[in-house]
Amino acid sequence: MPPAFAHEKQYTIDDIYALPDGKRAELIDGQLYYMAPPNTKHQRILSFLHLEIGNYIRENKETYEVFPAPFAVFLSADNSKYLEPDISVICDINKLNDHGCHGAPDWVIEIVSPRLLTQ
C-alpha cells in the first residue's frame, strides 16, 4: 500500500510566486508551510538585530550583506527548498542575485515567537 502522503499535491516555486500579496510561505520538498504574520515584539527584535548587525558590517568595512525577512533563500538548485529566515547574513556576494540568495546564507537568525492559541 502506498504511503498516505503519496496523493498530496506537490507544490513548486511557481506556487510561492503565485501567493496573494501579504501571504508568506516556505517551500520544503514540495510542501508549502504558511507563516503567520509576526507580532510587534518579534518585529522589534528583528529590527534591533538587523540594525546592530548592519552597523557592525558597515563599521568594519566588510563586504557582507544582511537582509531581514522577507528575503528569498533558495537552498537547492531545483528550487525545491525556498525559505525566508528572519535575518540572513551573506558573506559570499556571488550567492546573490535579484531573486535572493542561492545556497545557504553564512548566518541565519530565526526569531521564535510563542504560538498563538485560539480557544
N, C-alpha and C. Protein backbone atom coordinates (compact mmCIF):
# COMPACT_ATOMS: atom_id res chain seq x y z
N MET A 1 0.85 -1.18 0.00
CA MET A 1 0.00 0.00 0.00
C MET A 1 0.89 1.24 0.00
N PRO A 2 0.62 2.23 -0.88
CA PRO A 2 1.45 3.43 -0.92
C PRO A 2 1.25 4.27 0.33
N PRO A 3 2.26 5.08 0.69
CA PRO A 3 2.11 5.93 1.88
C PRO A 3 0.96 6.92 1.71
N ALA A 4 0.41 7.36 2.84
CA ALA A 4 -0.76 8.26 2.82
C ALA A 4 -0.46 9.57 2.11
N PHE A 5 0.77 10.02 2.14
CA PHE A 5 1.09 11.31 1.54
C PHE A 5 1.33 11.22 0.03
N ALA A 6 1.23 10.06 -0.55
CA ALA A 6 1.50 9.89 -1.98
C ALA A 6 0.56 10.71 -2.85
N HIS A 7 -0.64 11.03 -2.35
CA HIS A 7 -1.60 11.77 -3.16
C HIS A 7 -1.63 13.26 -2.82
N GLU A 8 -0.75 13.69 -1.93
CA GLU A 8 -0.70 15.11 -1.59
C GLU A 8 -0.19 15.89 -2.80
N LYS A 9 -0.71 17.09 -2.94
CA LYS A 9 -0.26 17.97 -4.02
C LYS A 9 1.21 18.33 -3.79
N GLN A 10 1.97 18.32 -4.84
CA GLN A 10 3.35 18.74 -4.80
C GLN A 10 3.43 20.18 -5.31
N TYR A 11 3.85 21.08 -4.46
CA TYR A 11 3.95 22.49 -4.80
C TYR A 11 5.32 22.79 -5.38
N THR A 12 5.42 23.90 -6.11
CA THR A 12 6.67 24.32 -6.72
C THR A 12 6.91 25.79 -6.40
N ILE A 13 8.02 26.28 -6.85
CA ILE A 13 8.36 27.69 -6.65
C ILE A 13 7.33 28.60 -7.32
N ASP A 14 6.70 28.12 -8.38
CA ASP A 14 5.65 28.91 -9.04
C ASP A 14 4.48 29.16 -8.09
N ASP A 15 4.19 28.20 -7.21
CA ASP A 15 3.12 28.39 -6.23
C ASP A 15 3.50 29.46 -5.20
N ILE A 16 4.77 29.53 -4.85
CA ILE A 16 5.24 30.59 -3.94
C ILE A 16 5.02 31.95 -4.60
N TYR A 17 5.44 32.06 -5.86
CA TYR A 17 5.30 33.34 -6.57
C TYR A 17 3.84 33.70 -6.81
N ALA A 18 2.95 32.73 -6.82
CA ALA A 18 1.52 32.99 -7.07
C ALA A 18 0.74 33.32 -5.80
N LEU A 19 1.39 33.30 -4.64
CA LEU A 19 0.68 33.63 -3.40
C LEU A 19 0.16 35.06 -3.46
N PRO A 20 -1.02 35.29 -2.91
CA PRO A 20 -1.55 36.66 -2.88
C PRO A 20 -0.66 37.57 -2.02
N ASP A 21 -0.70 38.85 -2.31
CA ASP A 21 0.06 39.82 -1.52
C ASP A 21 -0.25 39.65 -0.05
N GLY A 22 0.77 39.68 0.77
CA GLY A 22 0.59 39.55 2.20
C GLY A 22 0.66 38.13 2.72
N LYS A 23 0.55 37.14 1.85
CA LYS A 23 0.66 35.72 2.26
C LYS A 23 2.11 35.30 2.10
N ARG A 24 2.63 34.62 3.12
CA ARG A 24 4.00 34.14 3.05
C ARG A 24 4.02 32.66 3.38
N ALA A 25 4.89 31.95 2.69
CA ALA A 25 5.05 30.52 2.93
C ALA A 25 6.47 30.12 2.57
N GLU A 26 6.88 28.99 3.10
CA GLU A 26 8.15 28.40 2.73
C GLU A 26 7.86 27.09 2.00
N LEU A 27 8.76 26.71 1.12
CA LEU A 27 8.59 25.50 0.31
C LEU A 27 9.70 24.52 0.68
N ILE A 28 9.29 23.34 1.15
CA ILE A 28 10.27 22.32 1.51
C ILE A 28 9.80 21.00 0.91
N ASP A 29 10.59 20.51 -0.04
CA ASP A 29 10.32 19.22 -0.68
C ASP A 29 8.89 19.09 -1.17
N GLY A 30 8.39 20.10 -1.86
CA GLY A 30 7.09 20.03 -2.49
C GLY A 30 5.91 20.39 -1.59
N GLN A 31 6.18 20.76 -0.34
CA GLN A 31 5.10 21.12 0.58
C GLN A 31 5.22 22.59 0.98
N LEU A 32 4.09 23.27 1.03
CA LEU A 32 4.05 24.66 1.47
C LEU A 32 3.80 24.71 2.97
N TYR A 33 4.53 25.58 3.63
CA TYR A 33 4.35 25.83 5.05
C TYR A 33 4.05 27.31 5.22
N TYR A 34 2.79 27.62 5.49
CA TYR A 34 2.37 29.01 5.61
C TYR A 34 2.90 29.60 6.91
N MET A 35 3.20 30.89 6.86
CA MET A 35 3.75 31.58 8.02
C MET A 35 2.76 32.63 8.51
N ALA A 36 2.57 32.64 9.80
CA ALA A 36 1.69 33.64 10.41
C ALA A 36 2.40 35.00 10.39
N PRO A 37 1.62 36.08 10.34
CA PRO A 37 2.25 37.41 10.41
C PRO A 37 2.96 37.57 11.76
N PRO A 38 4.12 38.21 11.75
CA PRO A 38 4.85 38.39 13.00
C PRO A 38 4.16 39.41 13.90
N ASN A 39 4.34 39.24 15.22
CA ASN A 39 3.76 40.21 16.15
C ASN A 39 4.74 41.36 16.39
N THR A 40 4.32 42.33 17.16
CA THR A 40 5.12 43.53 17.39
C THR A 40 6.44 43.22 18.08
N LYS A 41 6.40 42.35 19.09
CA LYS A 41 7.63 42.00 19.80
C LYS A 41 8.64 41.36 18.85
N HIS A 42 8.17 40.47 18.02
CA HIS A 42 9.01 39.81 17.02
C HIS A 42 9.67 40.86 16.12
N GLN A 43 8.89 41.82 15.65
CA GLN A 43 9.42 42.84 14.75
C GLN A 43 10.41 43.77 15.44
N ARG A 44 10.19 44.05 16.72
CA ARG A 44 11.15 44.88 17.46
C ARG A 44 12.50 44.16 17.57
N ILE A 45 12.45 42.87 17.87
CA ILE A 45 13.69 42.09 17.97
C ILE A 45 14.37 42.04 16.61
N LEU A 46 13.60 41.78 15.56
CA LEU A 46 14.17 41.72 14.21
C LEU A 46 14.82 43.05 13.83
N SER A 47 14.13 44.15 14.09
CA SER A 47 14.67 45.48 13.75
C SER A 47 15.96 45.75 14.49
N PHE A 48 15.98 45.45 15.79
CA PHE A 48 17.17 45.68 16.60
C PHE A 48 18.36 44.88 16.05
N LEU A 49 18.16 43.58 15.85
CA LEU A 49 19.25 42.73 15.37
C LEU A 49 19.72 43.14 13.98
N HIS A 50 18.79 43.45 13.09
CA HIS A 50 19.15 43.86 11.74
C HIS A 50 20.01 45.12 11.77
N LEU A 51 19.61 46.10 12.57
CA LEU A 51 20.38 47.34 12.67
C LEU A 51 21.76 47.11 13.28
N GLU A 52 21.83 46.32 14.36
CA GLU A 52 23.11 46.07 15.01
C GLU A 52 24.07 45.33 14.09
N ILE A 53 23.59 44.30 13.43
CA ILE A 53 24.44 43.54 12.52
C ILE A 53 24.87 44.41 11.34
N GLY A 54 23.92 45.16 10.78
CA GLY A 54 24.24 46.05 9.67
C GLY A 54 25.27 47.11 10.05
N ASN A 55 25.12 47.68 11.25
CA ASN A 55 26.09 48.68 11.72
C ASN A 55 27.47 48.06 11.89
N TYR A 56 27.53 46.86 12.44
CA TYR A 56 28.81 46.18 12.61
C TYR A 56 29.48 45.95 11.26
N ILE A 57 28.72 45.47 10.30
CA ILE A 57 29.26 45.21 8.95
C ILE A 57 29.79 46.51 8.35
N ARG A 58 29.00 47.58 8.45
CA ARG A 58 29.40 48.86 7.88
C ARG A 58 30.66 49.41 8.57
N GLU A 59 30.66 49.39 9.90
CA GLU A 59 31.80 49.94 10.66
C GLU A 59 33.09 49.17 10.42
N ASN A 60 32.98 47.89 10.13
CA ASN A 60 34.17 47.07 9.88
C ASN A 60 34.49 46.94 8.40
N LYS A 61 33.77 47.70 7.59
CA LYS A 61 34.00 47.75 6.15
C LYS A 61 34.03 46.37 5.51
N GLU A 62 33.14 45.52 6.00
CA GLU A 62 33.01 44.17 5.43
C GLU A 62 32.20 44.25 4.14
N THR A 63 32.36 43.27 3.29
CA THR A 63 31.57 43.20 2.06
C THR A 63 30.33 42.33 2.24
N TYR A 64 30.10 41.90 3.48
CA TYR A 64 28.94 41.07 3.76
C TYR A 64 27.67 41.89 3.59
N GLU A 65 26.55 41.19 3.47
CA GLU A 65 25.25 41.86 3.41
C GLU A 65 24.30 41.17 4.36
N VAL A 66 23.41 41.97 4.96
CA VAL A 66 22.41 41.45 5.88
C VAL A 66 21.03 41.80 5.34
N PHE A 67 20.13 40.82 5.36
CA PHE A 67 18.78 41.01 4.83
C PHE A 67 17.75 40.54 5.85
N PRO A 68 16.76 41.39 6.15
CA PRO A 68 15.65 40.93 7.00
C PRO A 68 14.58 40.27 6.14
N ALA A 69 13.75 39.46 6.75
CA ALA A 69 12.62 38.85 6.04
C ALA A 69 11.64 39.94 5.65
N PRO A 70 10.94 39.76 4.57
CA PRO A 70 11.01 38.60 3.67
C PRO A 70 12.18 38.72 2.70
N PHE A 71 12.99 37.70 2.65
CA PHE A 71 14.13 37.62 1.74
C PHE A 71 14.26 36.16 1.31
N ALA A 72 14.29 35.93 0.02
CA ALA A 72 14.27 34.59 -0.54
C ALA A 72 15.62 33.90 -0.41
N VAL A 73 15.57 32.68 0.12
CA VAL A 73 16.75 31.81 0.19
C VAL A 73 16.39 30.51 -0.52
N PHE A 74 17.13 30.22 -1.58
CA PHE A 74 16.93 29.01 -2.37
C PHE A 74 18.04 28.03 -1.97
N LEU A 75 17.67 26.98 -1.23
CA LEU A 75 18.67 26.06 -0.71
C LEU A 75 19.02 24.93 -1.68
N SER A 76 18.27 24.78 -2.74
CA SER A 76 18.56 23.71 -3.70
C SER A 76 18.52 24.27 -5.12
N ALA A 77 19.32 23.68 -5.98
CA ALA A 77 19.40 24.15 -7.36
C ALA A 77 18.07 24.01 -8.10
N ASP A 78 17.26 23.02 -7.70
CA ASP A 78 15.97 22.81 -8.37
C ASP A 78 14.83 23.63 -7.74
N ASN A 79 15.17 24.54 -6.83
CA ASN A 79 14.19 25.41 -6.16
C ASN A 79 13.14 24.65 -5.35
N SER A 80 13.47 23.45 -4.90
CA SER A 80 12.50 22.69 -4.10
C SER A 80 12.55 23.07 -2.62
N LYS A 81 13.54 23.87 -2.26
CA LYS A 81 13.65 24.36 -0.88
C LYS A 81 13.80 25.88 -0.92
N TYR A 82 12.71 26.55 -0.57
CA TYR A 82 12.64 28.01 -0.56
C TYR A 82 12.27 28.44 0.86
N LEU A 83 13.14 29.23 1.48
CA LEU A 83 12.91 29.67 2.86
C LEU A 83 13.02 31.18 2.96
N GLU A 84 12.48 31.72 4.03
CA GLU A 84 12.59 33.14 4.34
C GLU A 84 12.99 33.30 5.80
N PRO A 85 14.29 33.12 6.12
CA PRO A 85 14.72 33.30 7.50
C PRO A 85 14.45 34.74 7.96
N ASP A 86 14.31 34.93 9.26
CA ASP A 86 14.08 36.28 9.77
C ASP A 86 15.23 37.22 9.41
N ILE A 87 16.45 36.75 9.55
CA ILE A 87 17.63 37.54 9.17
C ILE A 87 18.61 36.60 8.48
N SER A 88 19.14 37.05 7.35
CA SER A 88 20.15 36.29 6.61
C SER A 88 21.39 37.16 6.43
N VAL A 89 22.55 36.60 6.74
CA VAL A 89 23.82 37.29 6.50
C VAL A 89 24.56 36.48 5.44
N ILE A 90 24.94 37.18 4.37
CA ILE A 90 25.63 36.52 3.27
C ILE A 90 27.02 37.14 3.15
N CYS A 91 28.04 36.30 3.27
CA CYS A 91 29.42 36.75 3.15
C CYS A 91 29.95 36.61 1.72
N ASP A 92 29.43 35.63 0.99
CA ASP A 92 29.84 35.40 -0.40
C ASP A 92 28.80 36.06 -1.30
N ILE A 93 29.09 37.27 -1.76
CA ILE A 93 28.10 38.01 -2.55
C ILE A 93 27.81 37.36 -3.90
N ASN A 94 28.61 36.38 -4.29
CA ASN A 94 28.34 35.65 -5.53
C ASN A 94 27.08 34.79 -5.41
N LYS A 95 26.60 34.56 -4.18
CA LYS A 95 25.37 33.79 -3.97
C LYS A 95 24.13 34.64 -4.25
N LEU A 96 24.31 35.94 -4.39
CA LEU A 96 23.17 36.86 -4.51
C LEU A 96 22.85 37.21 -5.95
N ASN A 97 21.56 37.31 -6.23
CA ASN A 97 21.09 37.92 -7.47
C ASN A 97 19.79 38.66 -7.16
N ASP A 98 19.10 39.13 -8.17
CA ASP A 98 17.89 39.91 -7.95
C ASP A 98 16.76 39.12 -7.30
N HIS A 99 16.84 37.79 -7.31
CA HIS A 99 15.79 36.95 -6.73
C HIS A 99 16.06 36.58 -5.28
N GLY A 100 17.30 36.72 -4.81
CA GLY A 100 17.62 36.36 -3.43
C GLY A 100 18.97 35.70 -3.33
N CYS A 101 19.08 34.78 -2.38
CA CYS A 101 20.32 34.06 -2.11
C CYS A 101 20.19 32.63 -2.63
N HIS A 102 21.16 32.22 -3.42
CA HIS A 102 21.17 30.85 -3.96
C HIS A 102 22.25 30.06 -3.25
N GLY A 103 21.83 29.21 -2.34
CA GLY A 103 22.72 28.48 -1.46
C GLY A 103 22.50 28.98 -0.04
N ALA A 104 23.11 28.32 0.89
CA ALA A 104 22.89 28.66 2.29
C ALA A 104 23.56 29.98 2.66
N PRO A 105 22.83 30.86 3.35
CA PRO A 105 23.49 32.05 3.90
C PRO A 105 24.55 31.61 4.91
N ASP A 106 25.47 32.49 5.20
CA ASP A 106 26.53 32.15 6.14
C ASP A 106 26.05 32.21 7.59
N TRP A 107 24.99 32.96 7.82
CA TRP A 107 24.41 33.06 9.17
C TRP A 107 22.93 33.37 9.00
N VAL A 108 22.10 32.62 9.68
CA VAL A 108 20.67 32.93 9.70
C VAL A 108 20.22 33.05 11.15
N ILE A 109 19.26 33.91 11.34
CA ILE A 109 18.64 34.08 12.66
C ILE A 109 17.15 33.89 12.48
N GLU A 110 16.59 33.02 13.28
CA GLU A 110 15.15 32.79 13.29
C GLU A 110 14.65 33.18 14.67
N ILE A 111 13.76 34.12 14.72
CA ILE A 111 13.20 34.60 15.99
C ILE A 111 11.99 33.75 16.31
N VAL A 112 12.06 33.09 17.43
CA VAL A 112 10.98 32.18 17.83
C VAL A 112 9.98 32.95 18.69
N SER A 113 8.74 32.91 18.27
CA SER A 113 7.67 33.58 18.99
C SER A 113 6.74 32.54 19.58
N PRO A 114 6.15 32.84 20.73
CA PRO A 114 5.17 31.89 21.29
C PRO A 114 4.02 31.71 20.32
N ARG A 115 3.56 30.52 20.21
CA ARG A 115 2.43 30.21 19.31
C ARG A 115 1.16 30.81 19.89
N LEU A 116 0.39 31.43 19.03
CA LEU A 116 -0.88 31.98 19.46
C LEU A 116 -1.92 30.86 19.45
N LEU A 117 -2.56 30.66 20.55
CA LEU A 117 -3.57 29.61 20.66
C LEU A 117 -4.95 30.24 20.62
N THR A 118 -5.84 29.62 19.89
CA THR A 118 -7.22 30.08 19.87
C THR A 118 -8.07 29.07 20.64
N GLN A 119 -9.08 29.57 21.29
CA GLN A 119 -9.93 28.68 22.06
C GLN A 119 -11.29 28.59 21.45
